[in-house]
Full PDB file with SEQRES, HELIX, SHEET, SSBOND, CRYST1, ORIGX, SCALE, CONECT and MASTER records, all heavy atoms in Angstrom:
SEQRES   1 A   31  VAL LEU ALA ASP LEU GLN PHE ARG LEU LEU PHE VAL THR          
SEQRES   2 A   31  ARG ILE LEU THR VAL SER ALA ASP SER LEU ARG ILE VAL          
SEQRES   3 A   31  THR LEU SER THR LEU                                          
HELIX    1 AA1 LEU A    5  THR A   30  1                                  26    
CRYST1    1.000    1.000    1.000  90.00  90.00  90.00 P 1           1          
ORIGX1      1.000000  0.000000  0.000000        0.00000                         
ORIGX2      0.000000  1.000000  0.000000        0.00000                         
ORIGX3      0.000000  0.000000  1.000000        0.00000                         
SCALE1      1.000000  0.000000  0.000000        0.00000                         
SCALE2      0.000000  1.000000  0.000000        0.00000                         
SCALE3      0.000000  0.000000  1.000000        0.00000                         
ATOM      1  N   VAL A   1       0.833  -1.199   0.000  1.00  0.00           N  
ATOM      2  CA  VAL A   1       0.000   0.000   0.000  1.00  0.00           C  
ATOM      3  C   VAL A   1       0.870   1.253   0.000  1.00  0.00           C  
ATOM      4  O   VAL A   1       0.606   2.204  -0.739  1.00  0.00           O  
ATOM      5  CB  VAL A   1      -0.952  -0.019   1.214  1.00  0.00           C  
ATOM      6  CG1 VAL A   1      -1.690   1.293   1.342  1.00  0.00           C  
ATOM      7  CG2 VAL A   1      -1.930  -1.171   1.107  1.00  0.00           C  
ATOM      8  N   LEU A   2       1.908   1.277   0.817  1.00  0.00           N  
ATOM      9  CA  LEU A   2       2.767   2.461   0.890  1.00  0.00           C  
ATOM     10  C   LEU A   2       3.673   2.604  -0.332  1.00  0.00           C  
ATOM     11  O   LEU A   2       4.309   3.635  -0.497  1.00  0.00           O  
ATOM     12  CB  LEU A   2       3.590   2.433   2.176  1.00  0.00           C  
ATOM     13  CG  LEU A   2       2.788   2.642   3.456  1.00  0.00           C  
ATOM     14  CD1 LEU A   2       3.672   2.445   4.676  1.00  0.00           C  
ATOM     15  CD2 LEU A   2       2.143   4.004   3.474  1.00  0.00           C  
ATOM     16  N   ALA A   3       3.714   1.598  -1.176  1.00  0.00           N  
ATOM     17  CA  ALA A   3       4.494   1.718  -2.408  1.00  0.00           C  
ATOM     18  C   ALA A   3       3.830   2.680  -3.394  1.00  0.00           C  
ATOM     19  O   ALA A   3       4.494   3.244  -4.256  1.00  0.00           O  
ATOM     20  CB  ALA A   3       4.672   0.353  -3.058  1.00  0.00           C  
ATOM     21  N   ASP A   4       2.527   2.899  -3.251  1.00  0.00           N  
ATOM     22  CA  ASP A   4       1.798   3.833  -4.099  1.00  0.00           C  
ATOM     23  C   ASP A   4       2.066   5.253  -3.612  1.00  0.00           C  
ATOM     24  O   ASP A   4       1.796   5.589  -2.461  1.00  0.00           O  
ATOM     25  CB  ASP A   4       0.305   3.524  -4.043  1.00  0.00           C  
ATOM     26  CG  ASP A   4      -0.508   4.404  -4.952  1.00  0.00           C  
ATOM     27  OD1 ASP A   4       0.063   5.025  -5.875  1.00  0.00           O  
ATOM     28  OD2 ASP A   4      -1.738   4.479  -4.748  1.00  0.00           O  
ATOM     29  N   LEU A   5       2.590   6.108  -4.494  1.00  0.00           N  
ATOM     30  CA  LEU A   5       2.985   7.465  -4.125  1.00  0.00           C  
ATOM     31  C   LEU A   5       1.802   8.295  -3.640  1.00  0.00           C  
ATOM     32  O   LEU A   5       1.910   9.009  -2.636  1.00  0.00           O  
ATOM     33  CB  LEU A   5       3.665   8.166  -5.307  1.00  0.00           C  
ATOM     34  CG  LEU A   5       4.072   9.620  -5.059  1.00  0.00           C  
ATOM     35  CD1 LEU A   5       5.126   9.690  -3.970  1.00  0.00           C  
ATOM     36  CD2 LEU A   5       4.581  10.252  -6.337  1.00  0.00           C  
ATOM     37  N   GLN A   6       0.672   8.208  -4.305  1.00  0.00           N  
ATOM     38  CA  GLN A   6      -0.486   9.007  -3.899  1.00  0.00           C  
ATOM     39  C   GLN A   6      -0.970   8.618  -2.512  1.00  0.00           C  
ATOM     40  O   GLN A   6      -1.292   9.477  -1.687  1.00  0.00           O  
ATOM     41  CB  GLN A   6      -1.622   8.851  -4.902  1.00  0.00           C  
ATOM     42  CG  GLN A   6      -1.345   9.529  -6.211  1.00  0.00           C  
ATOM     43  CD  GLN A   6      -2.505   9.369  -7.176  1.00  0.00           C  
ATOM     44  OE1 GLN A   6      -3.340   8.484  -7.030  1.00  0.00           O  
ATOM     45  NE2 GLN A   6      -2.538  10.224  -8.189  1.00  0.00           N  
ATOM     46  N   PHE A   7      -1.017   7.334  -2.216  1.00  0.00           N  
ATOM     47  CA  PHE A   7      -1.442   6.905  -0.886  1.00  0.00           C  
ATOM     48  C   PHE A   7      -0.423   7.318   0.162  1.00  0.00           C  
ATOM     49  O   PHE A   7      -0.792   7.732   1.261  1.00  0.00           O  
ATOM     50  CB  PHE A   7      -1.662   5.394  -0.828  1.00  0.00           C  
ATOM     51  CG  PHE A   7      -2.159   4.949   0.508  1.00  0.00           C  
ATOM     52  CD1 PHE A   7      -3.502   5.055   0.828  1.00  0.00           C  
ATOM     53  CD2 PHE A   7      -1.283   4.452   1.458  1.00  0.00           C  
ATOM     54  CE1 PHE A   7      -3.958   4.672   2.073  1.00  0.00           C  
ATOM     55  CE2 PHE A   7      -1.735   4.062   2.700  1.00  0.00           C  
ATOM     56  CZ  PHE A   7      -3.071   4.168   3.006  1.00  0.00           C  
ATOM     57  N   ARG A   8       0.858   7.214  -0.190  1.00  0.00           N  
ATOM     58  CA  ARG A   8       1.905   7.596   0.753  1.00  0.00           C  
ATOM     59  C   ARG A   8       1.796   9.076   1.111  1.00  0.00           C  
ATOM     60  O   ARG A   8       1.892   9.465   2.274  1.00  0.00           O  
ATOM     61  CB  ARG A   8       3.278   7.268   0.164  1.00  0.00           C  
ATOM     62  CG  ARG A   8       4.391   7.352   1.163  1.00  0.00           C  
ATOM     63  CD  ARG A   8       5.702   6.780   0.659  1.00  0.00           C  
ATOM     64  NE  ARG A   8       6.028   7.182  -0.695  1.00  0.00           N  
ATOM     65  CZ  ARG A   8       6.369   6.347  -1.666  1.00  0.00           C  
ATOM     66  NH1 ARG A   8       6.409   5.051  -1.427  1.00  0.00           N  
ATOM     67  NH2 ARG A   8       6.678   6.786  -2.855  1.00  0.00           N  
ATOM     68  N   LEU A   9       1.545   9.936   0.116  1.00  0.00           N  
ATOM     69  CA  LEU A   9       1.382  11.368   0.380  1.00  0.00           C  
ATOM     70  C   LEU A   9       0.139  11.636   1.222  1.00  0.00           C  
ATOM     71  O   LEU A   9       0.164  12.447   2.144  1.00  0.00           O  
ATOM     72  CB  LEU A   9       1.306  12.143  -0.933  1.00  0.00           C  
ATOM     73  CG  LEU A   9       2.603  12.240  -1.721  1.00  0.00           C  
ATOM     74  CD1 LEU A   9       2.367  12.889  -3.070  1.00  0.00           C  
ATOM     75  CD2 LEU A   9       3.651  12.995  -0.931  1.00  0.00           C  
ATOM     76  N   LEU A  10      -0.944  10.963   0.913  1.00  0.00           N  
ATOM     77  CA  LEU A  10      -2.170  11.115   1.695  1.00  0.00           C  
ATOM     78  C   LEU A  10      -1.949  10.659   3.131  1.00  0.00           C  
ATOM     79  O   LEU A  10      -2.403  11.307   4.081  1.00  0.00           O  
ATOM     80  CB  LEU A  10      -3.305  10.326   1.051  1.00  0.00           C  
ATOM     81  CG  LEU A  10      -4.663  10.434   1.710  1.00  0.00           C  
ATOM     82  CD1 LEU A  10      -5.189  11.852   1.629  1.00  0.00           C  
ATOM     83  CD2 LEU A  10      -5.637   9.466   1.068  1.00  0.00           C  
ATOM     84  N   PHE A  11      -1.247   9.563   3.313  1.00  0.00           N  
ATOM     85  CA  PHE A  11      -0.968   9.024   4.639  1.00  0.00           C  
ATOM     86  C   PHE A  11      -0.121  10.001   5.456  1.00  0.00           C  
ATOM     87  O   PHE A  11      -0.422  10.278   6.617  1.00  0.00           O  
ATOM     88  CB  PHE A  11      -0.256   7.673   4.493  1.00  0.00           C  
ATOM     89  CG  PHE A  11      -0.030   6.949   5.780  1.00  0.00           C  
ATOM     90  CD1 PHE A  11      -1.092   6.391   6.473  1.00  0.00           C  
ATOM     91  CD2 PHE A  11       1.248   6.811   6.288  1.00  0.00           C  
ATOM     92  CE1 PHE A  11      -0.878   5.717   7.664  1.00  0.00           C  
ATOM     93  CE2 PHE A  11       1.470   6.137   7.471  1.00  0.00           C  
ATOM     94  CZ  PHE A  11       0.403   5.589   8.164  1.00  0.00           C  
ATOM     95  N   VAL A  12       0.920  10.554   4.843  1.00  0.00           N  
ATOM     96  CA  VAL A  12       1.797  11.496   5.545  1.00  0.00           C  
ATOM     97  C   VAL A  12       1.047  12.772   5.903  1.00  0.00           C  
ATOM     98  O   VAL A  12       1.167  13.282   7.026  1.00  0.00           O  
ATOM     99  CB  VAL A  12       3.056  11.796   4.701  1.00  0.00           C  
ATOM    100  CG1 VAL A  12       3.838  12.968   5.263  1.00  0.00           C  
ATOM    101  CG2 VAL A  12       3.941  10.570   4.633  1.00  0.00           C  
ATOM    102  N   THR A  13       0.254  13.304   4.967  1.00  0.00           N  
ATOM    103  CA  THR A  13      -0.491  14.523   5.273  1.00  0.00           C  
ATOM    104  C   THR A  13      -1.526  14.275   6.365  1.00  0.00           C  
ATOM    105  O   THR A  13      -1.783  15.143   7.191  1.00  0.00           O  
ATOM    106  CB  THR A  13      -1.182  15.102   4.030  1.00  0.00           C  
ATOM    107  OG1 THR A  13      -2.025  14.117   3.440  1.00  0.00           O  
ATOM    108  CG2 THR A  13      -0.172  15.595   3.021  1.00  0.00           C  
ATOM    109  N   ARG A  14      -2.111  13.097   6.393  1.00  0.00           N  
ATOM    110  CA  ARG A  14      -3.083  12.787   7.445  1.00  0.00           C  
ATOM    111  C   ARG A  14      -2.390  12.697   8.800  1.00  0.00           C  
ATOM    112  O   ARG A  14      -2.928  13.163   9.808  1.00  0.00           O  
ATOM    113  CB  ARG A  14      -3.798  11.471   7.120  1.00  0.00           C  
ATOM    114  CG  ARG A  14      -4.912  11.174   8.049  1.00  0.00           C  
ATOM    115  CD  ARG A  14      -6.043  12.180   7.915  1.00  0.00           C  
ATOM    116  NE  ARG A  14      -7.026  11.924   8.939  1.00  0.00           N  
ATOM    117  CZ  ARG A  14      -7.746  12.843   9.520  1.00  0.00           C  
ATOM    118  NH1 ARG A  14      -7.644  14.094   9.149  1.00  0.00           N  
ATOM    119  NH2 ARG A  14      -8.588  12.537  10.450  1.00  0.00           N  
ATOM    120  N   ILE A  15      -1.213  12.100   8.849  1.00  0.00           N  
ATOM    121  CA  ILE A  15      -0.455  12.035  10.102  1.00  0.00           C  
ATOM    122  C   ILE A  15      -0.121  13.440  10.582  1.00  0.00           C  
ATOM    123  O   ILE A  15      -0.267  13.766  11.765  1.00  0.00           O  
ATOM    124  CB  ILE A  15       0.828  11.198   9.922  1.00  0.00           C  
ATOM    125  CG1 ILE A  15       0.482   9.724   9.810  1.00  0.00           C  
ATOM    126  CG2 ILE A  15       1.795  11.427  11.081  1.00  0.00           C  
ATOM    127  CD1 ILE A  15       1.664   8.840   9.488  1.00  0.00           C  
ATOM    128  N   LEU A  16       0.318  14.308   9.662  1.00  0.00           N  
ATOM    129  CA  LEU A  16       0.641  15.681  10.038  1.00  0.00           C  
ATOM    130  C   LEU A  16      -0.601  16.432  10.523  1.00  0.00           C  
ATOM    131  O   LEU A  16      -0.536  17.215  11.474  1.00  0.00           O  
ATOM    132  CB  LEU A  16       1.275  16.413   8.860  1.00  0.00           C  
ATOM    133  CG  LEU A  16       2.678  15.960   8.473  1.00  0.00           C  
ATOM    134  CD1 LEU A  16       3.133  16.657   7.192  1.00  0.00           C  
ATOM    135  CD2 LEU A  16       3.655  16.219   9.601  1.00  0.00           C  
ATOM    136  N   THR A  17      -1.725  16.209   9.883  1.00  0.00           N  
ATOM    137  CA  THR A  17      -2.956  16.893  10.273  1.00  0.00           C  
ATOM    138  C   THR A  17      -3.421  16.457  11.657  1.00  0.00           C  
ATOM    139  O   THR A  17      -3.791  17.298  12.485  1.00  0.00           O  
ATOM    140  CB  THR A  17      -4.063  16.617   9.238  1.00  0.00           C  
ATOM    141  OG1 THR A  17      -3.628  17.062   7.972  1.00  0.00           O  
ATOM    142  CG2 THR A  17      -5.341  17.319   9.599  1.00  0.00           C  
ATOM    143  N   VAL A  18      -3.408  15.172  11.916  1.00  0.00           N  
ATOM    144  CA  VAL A  18      -3.830  14.681  13.228  1.00  0.00           C  
ATOM    145  C   VAL A  18      -2.881  15.192  14.310  1.00  0.00           C  
ATOM    146  O   VAL A  18      -3.321  15.622  15.385  1.00  0.00           O  
ATOM    147  CB  VAL A  18      -3.908  13.136  13.235  1.00  0.00           C  
ATOM    148  CG1 VAL A  18      -4.079  12.596  14.638  1.00  0.00           C  
ATOM    149  CG2 VAL A  18      -5.040  12.670  12.341  1.00  0.00           C  
ATOM    150  N   SER A  19      -1.585  15.201  14.030  1.00  0.00           N  
ATOM    151  CA  SER A  19      -0.608  15.711  15.000  1.00  0.00           C  
ATOM    152  C   SER A  19      -0.820  17.199  15.253  1.00  0.00           C  
ATOM    153  O   SER A  19      -0.783  17.652  16.403  1.00  0.00           O  
ATOM    154  CB  SER A  19       0.817  15.475  14.498  1.00  0.00           C  
ATOM    155  OG  SER A  19       1.045  14.114  14.298  1.00  0.00           O  
ATOM    156  N   ALA A  20      -1.046  17.970  14.195  1.00  0.00           N  
ATOM    157  CA  ALA A  20      -1.267  19.408  14.352  1.00  0.00           C  
ATOM    158  C   ALA A  20      -2.549  19.694  15.115  1.00  0.00           C  
ATOM    159  O   ALA A  20      -2.589  20.603  15.956  1.00  0.00           O  
ATOM    160  CB  ALA A  20      -1.305  20.083  12.980  1.00  0.00           C  
ATOM    161  N   ASP A  21      -3.606  18.934  14.844  1.00  0.00           N  
ATOM    162  CA  ASP A  21      -4.864  19.121  15.579  1.00  0.00           C  
ATOM    163  C   ASP A  21      -4.680  18.819  17.063  1.00  0.00           C  
ATOM    164  O   ASP A  21      -5.167  19.557  17.921  1.00  0.00           O  
ATOM    165  CB  ASP A  21      -5.962  18.227  15.009  1.00  0.00           C  
ATOM    166  CG  ASP A  21      -6.629  18.820  13.801  1.00  0.00           C  
ATOM    167  OD1 ASP A  21      -6.445  20.027  13.546  1.00  0.00           O  
ATOM    168  OD2 ASP A  21      -7.333  18.074  13.101  1.00  0.00           O  
ATOM    169  N   SER A  22      -3.993  17.753  17.360  1.00  0.00           N  
ATOM    170  CA  SER A  22      -3.767  17.391  18.757  1.00  0.00           C  
ATOM    171  C   SER A  22      -2.948  18.461  19.464  1.00  0.00           C  
ATOM    172  O   SER A  22      -3.273  18.872  20.585  1.00  0.00           O  
ATOM    173  CB  SER A  22      -3.046  16.050  18.851  1.00  0.00           C  
ATOM    174  OG  SER A  22      -3.811  15.050  18.238  1.00  0.00           O  
ATOM    175  N   LEU A  23      -1.908  18.937  18.799  1.00  0.00           N  
ATOM    176  CA  LEU A  23      -1.069  19.988  19.372  1.00  0.00           C  
ATOM    177  C   LEU A  23      -1.860  21.277  19.546  1.00  0.00           C  
ATOM    178  O   LEU A  23      -1.723  21.964  20.565  1.00  0.00           O  
ATOM    179  CB  LEU A  23       0.149  20.220  18.479  1.00  0.00           C  
ATOM    180  CG  LEU A  23       1.186  21.203  18.990  1.00  0.00           C  
ATOM    181  CD1 LEU A  23       1.760  20.713  20.318  1.00  0.00           C  
ATOM    182  CD2 LEU A  23       2.296  21.366  17.963  1.00  0.00           C  
ATOM    183  N   ARG A  24      -2.731  21.604  18.596  1.00  0.00           N  
ATOM    184  CA  ARG A  24      -3.545  22.814  18.677  1.00  0.00           C  
ATOM    185  C   ARG A  24      -4.484  22.751  19.874  1.00  0.00           C  
ATOM    186  O   ARG A  24      -4.613  23.709  20.637  1.00  0.00           O  
ATOM    187  CB  ARG A  24      -4.356  22.993  17.397  1.00  0.00           C  
ATOM    188  CG  ARG A  24      -5.325  24.161  17.428  1.00  0.00           C  
ATOM    189  CD  ARG A  24      -6.184  24.233  16.186  1.00  0.00           C  
ATOM    190  NE  ARG A  24      -6.868  22.990  15.852  1.00  0.00           N  
ATOM    191  CZ  ARG A  24      -8.038  22.621  16.370  1.00  0.00           C  
ATOM    192  NH1 ARG A  24      -8.651  23.380  17.240  1.00  0.00           N  
ATOM    193  NH2 ARG A  24      -8.604  21.488  16.000  1.00  0.00           N  
ATOM    194  N   ILE A  25      -5.138  21.618  20.062  1.00  0.00           N  
ATOM    195  CA  ILE A  25      -6.089  21.480  21.162  1.00  0.00           C  
ATOM    196  C   ILE A  25      -5.378  21.551  22.510  1.00  0.00           C  
ATOM    197  O   ILE A  25      -5.827  22.239  23.438  1.00  0.00           O  
ATOM    198  CB  ILE A  25      -6.885  20.171  21.013  1.00  0.00           C  
ATOM    199  CG1 ILE A  25      -7.823  20.268  19.798  1.00  0.00           C  
ATOM    200  CG2 ILE A  25      -7.678  19.857  22.268  1.00  0.00           C  
ATOM    201  CD1 ILE A  25      -8.477  18.959  19.421  1.00  0.00           C  
ATOM    202  N   VAL A  26      -4.245  20.876  22.637  1.00  0.00           N  
ATOM    203  CA  VAL A  26      -3.501  20.902  23.895  1.00  0.00           C  
ATOM    204  C   VAL A  26      -2.966  22.300  24.175  1.00  0.00           C  
ATOM    205  O   VAL A  26      -3.037  22.798  25.306  1.00  0.00           O  
ATOM    206  CB  VAL A  26      -2.360  19.858  23.873  1.00  0.00           C  
ATOM    207  CG1 VAL A  26      -1.414  20.041  25.039  1.00  0.00           C  
ATOM    208  CG2 VAL A  26      -2.938  18.460  23.875  1.00  0.00           C  
ATOM    209  N   THR A  27      -2.457  22.975  23.142  1.00  0.00           N  
ATOM    210  CA  THR A  27      -1.923  24.328  23.317  1.00  0.00           C  
ATOM    211  C   THR A  27      -3.017  25.302  23.731  1.00  0.00           C  
ATOM    212  O   THR A  27      -2.826  26.115  24.643  1.00  0.00           O  
ATOM    213  CB  THR A  27      -1.254  24.804  22.015  1.00  0.00           C  
ATOM    214  OG1 THR A  27      -0.231  23.881  21.662  1.00  0.00           O  
ATOM    215  CG2 THR A  27      -0.658  26.181  22.190  1.00  0.00           C  
ATOM    216  N   LEU A  28      -4.163  25.223  23.073  1.00  0.00           N  
ATOM    217  CA  LEU A  28      -5.266  26.120  23.410  1.00  0.00           C  
ATOM    218  C   LEU A  28      -5.740  25.898  24.844  1.00  0.00           C  
ATOM    219  O   LEU A  28      -5.943  26.867  25.596  1.00  0.00           O  
ATOM    220  CB  LEU A  28      -6.428  25.909  22.439  1.00  0.00           C  
ATOM    221  CG  LEU A  28      -7.639  26.818  22.644  1.00  0.00           C  
ATOM    222  CD1 LEU A  28      -7.249  28.275  22.429  1.00  0.00           C  
ATOM    223  CD2 LEU A  28      -8.745  26.417  21.699  1.00  0.00           C  
ATOM    224  N   SER A  29      -5.877  24.662  25.255  1.00  0.00           N  
ATOM    225  CA  SER A  29      -6.334  24.407  26.628  1.00  0.00           C  
ATOM    226  C   SER A  29      -5.271  24.835  27.644  1.00  0.00           C  
ATOM    227  O   SER A  29      -5.613  25.338  28.727  1.00  0.00           O  
ATOM    228  CB  SER A  29      -6.701  22.938  26.811  1.00  0.00           C  
ATOM    229  OG  SER A  29      -5.589  22.111  26.580  1.00  0.00           O  
ATOM    230  N   THR A  30      -4.007  24.684  27.304  1.00  0.00           N  
ATOM    231  CA  THR A  30      -2.939  25.137  28.199  1.00  0.00           C  
ATOM    232  C   THR A  30      -2.937  26.651  28.328  1.00  0.00           C  
ATOM    233  O   THR A  30      -2.770  27.188  29.425  1.00  0.00           O  
ATOM    234  CB  THR A  30      -1.571  24.641  27.691  1.00  0.00           C  
ATOM    235  OG1 THR A  30      -1.609  23.223  27.577  1.00  0.00           O  
ATOM    236  CG2 THR A  30      -0.454  25.057  28.621  1.00  0.00           C  
ATOM    237  N   LEU A  31      -3.140  27.351  27.205  1.00  0.00           N  
ATOM    238  CA  LEU A  31      -3.203  28.802  27.260  1.00  0.00           C  
ATOM    239  C   LEU A  31      -4.402  29.287  28.067  1.00  0.00           C  
ATOM    240  O   LEU A  31      -4.299  30.254  28.825  1.00  0.00           O  
ATOM    241  CB  LEU A  31      -3.254  29.377  25.840  1.00  0.00           C  
ATOM    242  CG  LEU A  31      -1.963  29.307  25.044  1.00  0.00           C  
ATOM    243  CD1 LEU A  31      -2.197  29.746  23.600  1.00  0.00           C  
ATOM    244  CD2 LEU A  31      -0.887  30.161  25.694  1.00  0.00           C  
TER     245      LEU A  31                                                      
MASTER        0    0    0    1    0    0    0    6  244    1    0    3          
END                                                                             
C-alpha cells in the first residue's frame, strides 16, 4: 500500500494533520 505514491502522500499529510490538531487542542487548553 505504501508503495503507491499518492497513498503515501495522503498518509503522511493525514499524520501531520492529526498531529497538528492534537497539538492545537492541547496548546489552546494550556493557554
